[in-house]
Amino acid sequence: MEGRNTMYRNLTLAVLVPLMALIAACSNNNNQKNNDARRAAFIQVNKMLDSGNVDSLGNYIKEDAVDHQAEAMGETQQGLAGIKELFTKLHQVYPDMHTTIHSMAFSGDTMFAWVSSTGTLAQPFMGMPAGQTQTVSNVDVIRFDGDKMAEHWGFTDMSEMMKMQQQDTTMNKMGPDSTGNMMK
């Protein structure tokens, strides 16, 4: 009886292990296909940001998408329409913008990307004069719903922004002087 149980156990393992490996491989293949589609969507959205052509954003971004970075920047309109409006404004400020995607990584339905954008200001913006060339680095965190972007959080390297605004980032230069006026 023990020999028969061992035989059944071995037979079960011989069938289940390859079956489980096959299921895992198919699952990984589906994840890879999803990630490839999401990677392509992110690349296309950044090309649209650079070009200012927002007509096809709906192919990659959900109608009710939430951009948490835009909220922090004071943008009030949400969803795809708000993102189109923001991209249009940014293109007006930086008509020659070029975005470089340095890396992308995925965890489930979330993508993490490190990008940098360089452009020349066509008009004064955030205390910086027109004609100034800027490079800003961001980490974007994007949650996808299927192949479309549903939520976005952006984290900008503020030390770069402060340098571009010609502000000293050291604490001893900030704050009021003895008369109460802000030091420059």
N, C-alpha and C. Protein backbone atom coordinates (compact mmCIF):
# COMPACT_ATOMS: atom_id res chain seq x y z
N MET A 1 0.81 -1.19 0.00
CA MET A 1 0.00 0.00 0.00
C MET A 1 0.86 1.26 0.00
N GLU A 2 1.95 1.22 0.78
CA GLU A 2 2.83 2.38 0.83
C GLU A 2 3.50 2.63 -0.51
N GLY A 3 3.86 1.58 -1.21
CA GLY A 3 4.46 1.71 -2.53
C GLY A 3 3.49 2.33 -3.52
N ARG A 4 2.20 1.94 -3.41
CA ARG A 4 1.19 2.50 -4.30
C ARG A 4 0.99 3.99 -4.01
N ASN A 5 0.96 4.38 -2.73
CA ASN A 5 0.82 5.79 -2.35
C ASN A 5 1.99 6.62 -2.87
N THR A 6 3.18 6.05 -2.77
CA THR A 6 4.37 6.73 -3.28
C THR A 6 4.28 6.90 -4.78
N MET A 7 3.80 5.88 -5.46
CA MET A 7 3.66 5.94 -6.90
C MET A 7 2.64 7.03 -7.29
N TYR A 8 1.48 7.09 -6.60
CA TYR A 8 0.47 8.10 -6.89
C TYR A 8 1.01 9.51 -6.60
N ARG A 9 1.74 9.63 -5.50
CA ARG A 9 2.31 10.92 -5.15
C ARG A 9 3.32 11.36 -6.22
N ASN A 10 4.17 10.47 -6.65
CA ASN A 10 5.15 10.78 -7.68
C ASN A 10 4.48 11.11 -9.01
N LEU A 11 3.44 10.36 -9.35
CA LEU A 11 2.70 10.62 -10.58
C LEU A 11 2.00 11.98 -10.50
N THR A 12 1.40 12.27 -9.36
CA THR A 12 0.74 13.56 -9.16
C THR A 12 1.75 14.69 -9.29
N LEU A 13 2.90 14.55 -8.65
CA LEU A 13 3.95 15.57 -8.75
C LEU A 13 4.46 15.71 -10.19
N ALA A 14 4.58 14.57 -10.87
CA ALA A 14 5.07 14.60 -12.25
C ALA A 14 4.11 15.35 -13.17
N VAL A 15 2.83 15.32 -12.85
CA VAL A 15 1.84 16.02 -13.67
C VAL A 15 1.66 17.46 -13.19
N LEU A 16 1.57 17.68 -11.87
CA LEU A 16 1.28 19.00 -11.34
C LEU A 16 2.42 19.99 -11.50
N VAL A 17 3.64 19.58 -11.27
CA VAL A 17 4.77 20.51 -11.35
C VAL A 17 4.89 21.11 -12.75
N PRO A 18 4.92 20.30 -13.81
CA PRO A 18 4.98 20.92 -15.15
C PRO A 18 3.73 21.76 -15.47
N LEU A 19 2.57 21.33 -14.98
CA LEU A 19 1.35 22.10 -15.22
C LEU A 19 1.43 23.46 -14.54
N MET A 20 1.92 23.47 -13.31
CA MET A 20 2.06 24.73 -12.57
C MET A 20 3.10 25.62 -13.25
N ALA A 21 4.18 25.03 -13.74
CA ALA A 21 5.21 25.80 -14.45
C ALA A 21 4.63 26.40 -15.73
N LEU A 22 3.81 25.63 -16.43
CA LEU A 22 3.18 26.12 -17.64
C LEU A 22 2.24 27.29 -17.34
N ILE A 23 1.44 27.15 -16.29
CA ILE A 23 0.53 28.23 -15.88
C ILE A 23 1.32 29.48 -15.51
N ALA A 24 2.40 29.31 -14.75
CA ALA A 24 3.23 30.45 -14.35
C ALA A 24 3.86 31.12 -15.57
N ALA A 25 4.32 30.31 -16.53
CA ALA A 25 4.93 30.87 -17.73
C ALA A 25 3.91 31.66 -18.54
N CYS A 26 2.70 31.14 -18.64
CA CYS A 26 1.65 31.86 -19.37
C CYS A 26 1.31 33.16 -18.65
N SER A 27 1.25 33.12 -17.33
CA SER A 27 0.96 34.31 -16.55
C SER A 27 2.05 35.35 -16.74
N ASN A 28 3.31 34.92 -16.67
CA ASN A 28 4.42 35.85 -16.88
C ASN A 28 4.39 36.41 -18.29
N ASN A 29 4.02 35.58 -19.27
CA ASN A 29 3.93 36.04 -20.65
C ASN A 29 2.85 37.12 -20.79
N ASN A 30 1.70 36.91 -20.11
CA ASN A 30 0.63 37.91 -20.15
C ASN A 30 1.08 39.20 -19.46
N ASN A 31 1.77 39.08 -18.31
CA ASN A 31 2.28 40.27 -17.63
C ASN A 31 3.25 41.02 -18.53
N GLN A 32 4.11 40.27 -19.23
CA GLN A 32 5.09 40.90 -20.12
C GLN A 32 4.38 41.63 -21.25
N LYS A 33 3.33 41.01 -21.82
CA LYS A 33 2.57 41.66 -22.88
C LYS A 33 1.90 42.93 -22.37
N ASN A 34 1.30 42.85 -21.15
CA ASN A 34 0.69 44.04 -20.55
C ASN A 34 1.73 45.13 -20.34
N ASN A 35 2.89 44.74 -19.80
CA ASN A 35 3.93 45.73 -19.54
C ASN A 35 4.47 46.33 -20.83
N ASP A 36 4.59 45.54 -21.87
CA ASP A 36 5.04 46.06 -23.17
C ASP A 36 4.05 47.10 -23.70
N ALA A 37 2.76 46.81 -23.59
CA ALA A 37 1.72 47.74 -24.05
C ALA A 37 1.75 49.02 -23.19
N ARG A 38 1.95 48.86 -21.90
CA ARG A 38 1.98 50.02 -21.00
C ARG A 38 3.23 50.86 -21.25
N ARG A 39 4.34 50.20 -21.49
CA ARG A 39 5.60 50.90 -21.81
C ARG A 39 5.39 51.72 -23.09
N ALA A 40 4.79 51.11 -24.09
CA ALA A 40 4.53 51.81 -25.36
C ALA A 40 3.59 53.00 -25.15
N ALA A 41 2.58 52.83 -24.29
CA ALA A 41 1.65 53.93 -24.00
C ALA A 41 2.37 55.10 -23.35
N PHE A 42 3.24 54.80 -22.39
CA PHE A 42 3.98 55.86 -21.70
C PHE A 42 4.89 56.61 -22.67
N ILE A 43 5.54 55.89 -23.55
CA ILE A 43 6.41 56.52 -24.54
C ILE A 43 5.59 57.44 -25.45
N GLN A 44 4.42 56.97 -25.90
CA GLN A 44 3.58 57.79 -26.78
C GLN A 44 3.07 59.03 -26.07
N VAL A 45 2.67 58.89 -24.81
CA VAL A 45 2.17 60.05 -24.05
C VAL A 45 3.28 61.09 -23.91
N ASN A 46 4.50 60.66 -23.66
CA ASN A 46 5.61 61.61 -23.54
C ASN A 46 5.92 62.28 -24.87
N LYS A 47 5.77 61.55 -25.97
CA LYS A 47 5.94 62.18 -27.29
C LYS A 47 4.88 63.25 -27.51
N MET A 48 3.65 63.00 -27.05
CA MET A 48 2.58 63.98 -27.19
C MET A 48 2.83 65.19 -26.31
N LEU A 49 3.38 64.96 -25.10
CA LEU A 49 3.75 66.08 -24.24
C LEU A 49 4.78 66.96 -24.94
N ASP A 50 5.79 66.34 -25.52
CA ASP A 50 6.84 67.09 -26.21
C ASP A 50 6.31 67.85 -27.43
N SER A 51 5.43 67.22 -28.19
CA SER A 51 4.96 67.82 -29.44
C SER A 51 3.81 68.81 -29.24
N GLY A 52 3.09 68.67 -28.13
CA GLY A 52 1.91 69.50 -27.91
C GLY A 52 0.68 68.98 -28.62
N ASN A 53 0.80 67.88 -29.34
CA ASN A 53 -0.34 67.28 -30.04
C ASN A 53 -1.04 66.32 -29.08
N VAL A 54 -2.16 66.78 -28.53
CA VAL A 54 -2.85 66.01 -27.49
C VAL A 54 -4.07 65.25 -28.03
N ASP A 55 -4.29 65.28 -29.33
CA ASP A 55 -5.50 64.69 -29.91
C ASP A 55 -5.67 63.21 -29.59
N SER A 56 -4.59 62.45 -29.54
CA SER A 56 -4.68 61.00 -29.35
C SER A 56 -4.47 60.55 -27.91
N LEU A 57 -4.41 61.49 -26.95
CA LEU A 57 -4.17 61.11 -25.56
C LEU A 57 -5.22 60.12 -25.05
N GLY A 58 -6.44 60.22 -25.56
CA GLY A 58 -7.51 59.31 -25.13
C GLY A 58 -7.23 57.85 -25.46
N ASN A 59 -6.31 57.59 -26.36
CA ASN A 59 -5.94 56.21 -26.66
C ASN A 59 -5.13 55.59 -25.54
N TYR A 60 -4.56 56.44 -24.66
CA TYR A 60 -3.64 55.96 -23.65
C TYR A 60 -4.03 56.33 -22.22
N ILE A 61 -4.93 57.31 -22.08
CA ILE A 61 -5.32 57.80 -20.77
C ILE A 61 -6.83 57.69 -20.63
N LYS A 62 -7.27 57.18 -19.47
CA LYS A 62 -8.71 57.03 -19.23
C LYS A 62 -9.39 58.39 -19.15
N GLU A 63 -10.64 58.43 -19.54
CA GLU A 63 -11.44 59.66 -19.53
C GLU A 63 -11.50 60.27 -18.12
N ASP A 64 -11.57 59.41 -17.08
CA ASP A 64 -11.69 59.89 -15.70
C ASP A 64 -10.37 59.78 -14.92
N ALA A 65 -9.26 59.83 -15.63
CA ALA A 65 -7.94 59.71 -15.00
C ALA A 65 -7.73 60.82 -13.97
N VAL A 66 -6.92 60.51 -12.97
CA VAL A 66 -6.58 61.49 -11.93
C VAL A 66 -5.08 61.74 -11.98
N ASP A 67 -4.71 63.01 -12.13
CA ASP A 67 -3.30 63.40 -12.12
C ASP A 67 -3.04 64.15 -10.83
N HIS A 68 -2.46 63.46 -9.86
CA HIS A 68 -2.22 64.04 -8.54
C HIS A 68 -1.16 65.14 -8.61
N GLN A 69 -0.24 65.08 -9.54
CA GLN A 69 0.76 66.13 -9.69
C GLN A 69 0.10 67.41 -10.20
N ALA A 70 -0.83 67.28 -11.12
CA ALA A 70 -1.53 68.46 -11.64
C ALA A 70 -2.33 69.13 -10.53
N GLU A 71 -2.94 68.32 -9.65
CA GLU A 71 -3.67 68.89 -8.50
C GLU A 71 -2.72 69.72 -7.65
N ALA A 72 -1.53 69.20 -7.40
CA ALA A 72 -0.55 69.91 -6.57
C ALA A 72 -0.06 71.19 -7.24
N MET A 73 -0.13 71.23 -8.57
CA MET A 73 0.29 72.43 -9.32
C MET A 73 -0.84 73.45 -9.43
N GLY A 74 -1.99 73.15 -8.84
CA GLY A 74 -3.10 74.08 -8.84
C GLY A 74 -4.06 73.92 -10.00
N GLU A 75 -3.87 72.90 -10.82
CA GLU A 75 -4.79 72.64 -11.92
C GLU A 75 -6.10 72.13 -11.32
N THR A 76 -7.20 72.65 -11.79
CA THR A 76 -8.49 72.29 -11.21
C THR A 76 -9.26 71.28 -12.05
N GLN A 77 -9.07 71.31 -13.35
CA GLN A 77 -9.81 70.38 -14.20
C GLN A 77 -9.12 69.02 -14.19
N GLN A 78 -9.87 67.97 -13.91
CA GLN A 78 -9.31 66.62 -13.85
C GLN A 78 -9.73 65.83 -15.08
N GLY A 79 -9.33 64.59 -15.09
CA GLY A 79 -9.68 63.70 -16.18
C GLY A 79 -8.85 63.98 -17.42
N LEU A 80 -9.19 63.32 -18.47
CA LEU A 80 -8.48 63.46 -19.73
C LEU A 80 -8.47 64.91 -20.20
N ALA A 81 -9.59 65.60 -20.07
CA ALA A 81 -9.66 67.01 -20.51
C ALA A 81 -8.67 67.87 -19.75
N GLY A 82 -8.53 67.65 -18.45
CA GLY A 82 -7.57 68.42 -17.65
C GLY A 82 -6.13 68.13 -18.04
N ILE A 83 -5.84 66.86 -18.33
CA ILE A 83 -4.49 66.48 -18.73
C ILE A 83 -4.16 67.10 -20.09
N LYS A 84 -5.13 67.09 -21.01
CA LYS A 84 -4.91 67.73 -22.31
C LYS A 84 -4.63 69.22 -22.13
N GLU A 85 -5.39 69.86 -21.25
CA GLU A 85 -5.19 71.29 -20.99
C GLU A 85 -3.80 71.54 -20.40
N LEU A 86 -3.38 70.72 -19.46
CA LEU A 86 -2.06 70.86 -18.85
C LEU A 86 -0.95 70.66 -19.88
N PHE A 87 -1.06 69.63 -20.70
CA PHE A 87 -0.05 69.38 -21.74
C PHE A 87 0.03 70.56 -22.70
N THR A 88 -1.12 71.13 -23.06
CA THR A 88 -1.14 72.27 -23.97
C THR A 88 -0.44 73.47 -23.35
N LYS A 89 -0.72 73.73 -22.06
CA LYS A 89 -0.07 74.85 -21.36
C LYS A 89 1.44 74.63 -21.30
N LEU A 90 1.85 73.41 -20.94
CA LEU A 90 3.28 73.13 -20.84
C LEU A 90 3.97 73.28 -22.19
N HIS A 91 3.30 72.89 -23.26
CA HIS A 91 3.90 73.04 -24.59
C HIS A 91 4.01 74.51 -24.97
N GLN A 92 3.06 75.33 -24.53
CA GLN A 92 3.15 76.77 -24.81
C GLN A 92 4.35 77.38 -24.07
N VAL A 93 4.60 76.91 -22.86
CA VAL A 93 5.72 77.42 -22.06
C VAL A 93 7.04 76.89 -22.59
N TYR A 94 7.09 75.60 -22.97
CA TYR A 94 8.30 74.93 -23.46
C TYR A 94 8.03 74.34 -24.85
N PRO A 95 7.98 75.15 -25.89
CA PRO A 95 7.63 74.62 -27.22
C PRO A 95 8.67 73.66 -27.80
N ASP A 96 9.91 73.70 -27.30
CA ASP A 96 10.95 72.81 -27.81
C ASP A 96 11.27 71.68 -26.83
N MET A 97 10.34 71.36 -25.95
CA MET A 97 10.57 70.35 -24.92
C MET A 97 10.97 69.01 -25.53
N HIS A 98 11.93 68.38 -24.89
CA HIS A 98 12.33 67.02 -25.26
C HIS A 98 12.45 66.20 -23.98
N THR A 99 11.73 65.09 -23.92
CA THR A 99 11.73 64.23 -22.74
C THR A 99 12.54 62.97 -23.03
N THR A 100 13.39 62.62 -22.09
CA THR A 100 14.17 61.40 -22.16
C THR A 100 13.69 60.46 -21.07
N ILE A 101 13.35 59.24 -21.45
CA ILE A 101 12.94 58.23 -20.49
C ILE A 101 14.17 57.40 -20.17
N HIS A 102 14.62 57.50 -18.93
CA HIS A 102 15.85 56.81 -18.52
C HIS A 102 15.59 55.36 -18.13
N SER A 103 14.49 55.11 -17.43
CA SER A 103 14.17 53.74 -17.03
C SER A 103 12.70 53.62 -16.67
N MET A 104 12.21 52.39 -16.79
CA MET A 104 10.83 52.06 -16.43
C MET A 104 10.85 50.71 -15.72
N ALA A 105 9.98 50.58 -14.72
CA ALA A 105 9.84 49.32 -14.00
C ALA A 105 8.36 49.13 -13.67
N PHE A 106 7.96 47.88 -13.50
CA PHE A 106 6.56 47.55 -13.27
C PHE A 106 6.40 46.70 -12.03
N SER A 107 5.29 46.92 -11.34
CA SER A 107 4.87 46.08 -10.24
C SER A 107 3.35 45.98 -10.33
N GLY A 108 2.86 44.85 -10.78
CA GLY A 108 1.41 44.69 -10.96
C GLY A 108 0.90 45.69 -11.98
N ASP A 109 -0.09 46.49 -11.59
CA ASP A 109 -0.69 47.47 -12.51
C ASP A 109 -0.03 48.85 -12.42
N THR A 110 1.12 48.91 -11.75
CA THR A 110 1.79 50.19 -11.52
C THR A 110 3.14 50.24 -12.25
N MET A 111 3.40 51.38 -12.86
CA MET A 111 4.67 51.61 -13.54
C MET A 111 5.41 52.74 -12.85
N PHE A 112 6.72 52.59 -12.76
CA PHE A 112 7.59 53.61 -12.21
C PHE A 112 8.56 54.01 -13.32
N ALA A 113 8.71 55.31 -13.53
CA ALA A 113 9.60 55.77 -14.60
C ALA A 113 10.42 56.96 -14.12
N TRP A 114 11.68 56.97 -14.52
CA TRP A 114 12.56 58.11 -14.27
C TRP A 114 12.74 58.80 -15.61
N VAL A 115 12.35 60.07 -15.67
CA VAL A 115 12.43 60.83 -16.91
C VAL A 115 13.08 62.19 -16.64
N SER A 116 13.61 62.78 -17.68
CA SER A 116 14.06 64.17 -17.60
C SER A 116 13.56 64.89 -18.85
N SER A 117 13.19 66.14 -18.65
CA SER A 117 12.69 66.96 -19.75
C SER A 117 13.53 68.22 -19.84
N THR A 118 13.90 68.59 -21.05
CA THR A 118 14.67 69.80 -21.31
C THR A 118 13.89 70.66 -22.27
N GLY A 119 13.85 71.96 -21.98
CA GLY A 119 13.17 72.88 -22.87
C GLY A 119 13.57 74.31 -22.57
N THR A 120 13.29 75.19 -23.51
CA THR A 120 13.59 76.61 -23.37
C THR A 120 12.29 77.36 -23.13
N LEU A 121 12.27 78.19 -22.11
CA LEU A 121 11.07 78.94 -21.79
C LEU A 121 10.73 79.94 -22.88
N ALA A 122 9.52 79.86 -23.38
CA ALA A 122 9.04 80.81 -24.38
C ALA A 122 8.45 82.05 -23.72
N GLN A 123 8.18 81.94 -22.42
CA GLN A 123 7.59 83.03 -21.65
C GLN A 123 8.02 82.85 -20.21
N PRO A 124 7.96 83.91 -19.40
CA PRO A 124 8.32 83.74 -17.99
C PRO A 124 7.43 82.67 -17.34
N PHE A 125 8.04 81.89 -16.44
CA PHE A 125 7.31 80.79 -15.81
C PHE A 125 7.92 80.51 -14.45
N MET A 126 7.08 80.51 -13.43
CA MET A 126 7.48 80.18 -12.06
C MET A 126 8.71 81.00 -11.62
N GLY A 127 8.72 82.28 -11.96
CA GLY A 127 9.81 83.16 -11.55
C GLY A 127 11.04 83.08 -12.42
N MET A 128 10.99 82.32 -13.50
CA MET A 128 12.15 82.17 -14.38
C MET A 128 11.89 82.94 -15.67
N PRO A 129 12.92 83.60 -16.21
CA PRO A 129 12.72 84.44 -17.39
C PRO A 129 12.60 83.64 -18.68
N ALA A 130 11.94 84.23 -19.66
CA ALA A 130 11.87 83.63 -21.00
C ALA A 130 13.27 83.50 -21.56
N GLY A 131 13.48 82.48 -22.37
CA GLY A 131 14.78 82.25 -23.00
C GLY A 131 15.69 81.34 -22.20
N GLN A 132 15.34 81.04 -20.97
CA GLN A 132 16.17 80.17 -20.13
C GLN A 132 15.91 78.70 -20.49
N THR A 133 16.98 77.94 -20.69
CA THR A 133 16.85 76.50 -20.95
C THR A 133 16.87 75.77 -19.61
N GLN A 134 15.98 74.83 -19.47
CA GLN A 134 15.83 74.10 -18.21
C GLN A 134 15.82 72.61 -18.45
N THR A 135 16.33 71.89 -17.47
CA THR A 135 16.22 70.44 -17.46
C THR A 135 15.67 70.05 -16.10
N VAL A 136 14.62 69.28 -16.10
CA VAL A 136 13.96 68.85 -14.87
C VAL A 136 13.85 67.33 -14.87
N SER A 137 14.21 66.72 -13.74
CA SER A 137 14.08 65.27 -13.59
C SER A 137 12.84 64.95 -12.77
N ASN A 138 12.14 63.91 -13.18
CA ASN A 138 10.93 63.46 -12.48
C ASN A 138 10.97 61.96 -12.29
N VAL A 139 10.28 61.51 -11.27
CA VAL A 139 9.91 60.11 -11.14
C VAL A 139 8.39 60.09 -11.28
N ASP A 140 7.90 59.36 -12.26
CA ASP A 140 6.46 59.22 -12.47
C ASP A 140 6.02 57.86 -11.96
N VAL A 141 4.91 57.86 -11.23
CA VAL A 141 4.28 56.63 -10.78
C VAL A 141 2.90 56.62 -11.42
N ILE A 142 2.62 55.59 -12.19
CA ILE A 142 1.37 55.54 -12.95
C ILE A 142 0.67 54.22 -12.68
N ARG A 143 -0.61 54.33 -12.30
CA ARG A 143 -1.44 53.13 -12.15
C ARG A 143 -2.26 52.97 -13.42
N PHE A 144 -2.21 51.78 -13.95
CA PHE A 144 -2.95 51.47 -15.17
C PHE A 144 -4.23 50.73 -14.84
N ASP A 145 -5.23 50.95 -15.65
CA ASP A 145 -6.45 50.15 -15.66
C ASP A 145 -6.49 49.54 -17.06
N GLY A 146 -6.10 48.28 -17.16
CA GLY A 146 -5.91 47.67 -18.47
C GLY A 146 -4.69 48.29 -19.11
N ASP A 147 -4.83 48.77 -20.35
CA ASP A 147 -3.71 49.39 -21.05
C ASP A 147 -3.72 50.92 -20.94
N LYS A 148 -4.69 51.47 -20.21
CA LYS A 148 -4.79 52.93 -20.12
C LYS A 148 -4.36 53.43 -18.75
N MET A 149 -3.77 54.61 -18.74
CA MET A 149 -3.34 55.24 -17.51
C MET A 149 -4.56 55.75 -16.75
N ALA A 150 -4.63 55.40 -15.47
CA ALA A 150 -5.77 55.79 -14.65
C ALA A 150 -5.40 56.82 -13.58
N GLU A 151 -4.17 56.73 -13.05
CA GLU A 151 -3.70 57.67 -12.03
C GLU A 151 -2.23 57.96 -12.26
N HIS A 152 -1.83 59.19 -11.91
CA HIS A 152 -0.44 59.61 -12.06
C HIS A 152 -0.01 60.42 -10.85
N TRP A 153 1.16 60.10 -10.34
CA TRP A 153 1.84 60.89 -9.32
C TRP A 153 3.20 61.25 -9.90
N GLY A 154 3.59 62.50 -9.83
CA GLY A 154 4.89 62.91 -10.34
C GLY A 154 5.70 63.55 -9.22
N PHE A 155 6.96 63.22 -9.16
CA PHE A 155 7.85 63.73 -8.13
C PHE A 155 9.04 64.39 -8.83
N THR A 156 9.12 65.72 -8.70
CA THR A 156 10.13 66.52 -9.38
C THR A 156 11.30 66.79 -8.46
N ASP A 157 12.51 66.77 -9.02
CA ASP A 157 13.71 67.13 -8.26
C ASP A 157 13.69 68.64 -8.06
N MET A 158 13.25 69.06 -6.88
CA MET A 158 13.07 70.49 -6.61
C MET A 158 14.39 71.23 -6.48
N SER A 159 15.48 70.54 -6.14
CA SER A 159 16.77 71.24 -6.05
C SER A 159 17.15 71.77 -7.43
N GLU A 160 16.83 71.03 -8.49
CA GLU A 160 17.08 71.52 -9.85
C GLU A 160 16.25 72.76 -10.14
N MET A 161 14.97 72.71 -9.74
CA MET A 161 14.09 73.86 -9.97
C MET A 161 14.61 75.09 -9.25
N MET A 162 15.04 74.92 -8.01
CA MET A 162 15.53 76.06 -7.24
C MET A 162 16.80 76.63 -7.86
N LYS A 163 17.68 75.78 -8.37
CA LYS A 163 18.89 76.27 -9.04
C LYS A 163 18.50 77.09 -10.25
N MET A 164 17.51 76.61 -10.99
CA MET A 164 17.09 77.33 -12.19
C MET A 164 16.45 78.66 -11.85
N GLN A 165 15.82 78.73 -10.69
CA GLN A 165 15.22 79.98 -10.26
C GLN A 165 16.26 80.89 -9.62
N GLN A 166 17.51 80.45 -9.67
CA GLN A 166 18.64 81.20 -9.13
C GLN A 166 18.46 81.50 -7.66
N GLN A 167 17.94 80.51 -6.94
CA GLN A 167 17.80 80.63 -5.50
C GLN A 167 18.84 79.75 -4.85
N ASP A 168 19.37 80.22 -3.76
CA ASP A 168 20.33 79.43 -3.01
C ASP A 168 19.54 78.45 -2.15
N THR A 169 19.86 77.16 -2.26
CA THR A 169 19.10 76.15 -1.53
C THR A 169 19.63 75.92 -0.12
N THR A 170 20.66 76.67 0.29
CA THR A 170 21.18 76.47 1.65
C THR A 170 20.29 77.20 2.64
N MET A 171 20.09 76.61 3.77
CA MET A 171 19.18 77.16 4.78
C MET A 171 19.65 78.49 5.34
N ASN A 172 20.98 78.75 5.39
CA ASN A 172 21.45 79.99 5.99
C ASN A 172 21.14 81.21 5.13
N LYS A 173 20.72 81.06 3.90
CA LYS A 173 20.38 82.18 3.03
C LYS A 173 18.88 82.44 3.00
N MET A 174 18.09 81.59 3.64
CA MET A 174 16.64 81.73 3.57
C MET A 174 16.12 82.35 4.86
N GLY A 175 14.99 82.97 4.74
CA GLY A 175 14.34 83.51 5.92
C GLY A 175 14.54 85.01 6.02
N PRO A 176 13.88 85.63 7.00
CA PRO A 176 13.95 87.09 7.11
C PRO A 176 15.29 87.54 7.69
N ASP A 177 15.68 88.77 7.29
CA ASP A 177 16.86 89.36 7.91
C ASP A 177 16.44 90.08 9.19
N SER A 178 17.32 90.85 9.77
CA SER A 178 17.02 91.47 11.07
C SER A 178 15.90 92.48 10.97
N THR A 179 15.59 92.99 9.78
CA THR A 179 14.49 93.95 9.63
C THR A 179 13.17 93.29 9.28
N GLY A 180 13.18 91.97 9.12
CA GLY A 180 11.96 91.25 8.79
C GLY A 180 11.74 91.03 7.32
N ASN A 181 12.63 91.58 6.46
CA ASN A 181 12.52 91.39 5.02
C ASN A 181 13.14 90.05 4.64
N MET A 182 12.58 89.44 3.60
CA MET A 182 13.12 88.17 3.13
C MET A 182 14.48 88.40 2.51
N MET A 183 15.45 87.56 2.88
CA MET A 183 16.79 87.65 2.32
C MET A 183 16.80 87.12 0.91
N LYS A 184 17.65 87.67 0.06
CA LYS A 184 17.77 87.21 -1.32
C LYS A 184 19.11 86.62 -1.55
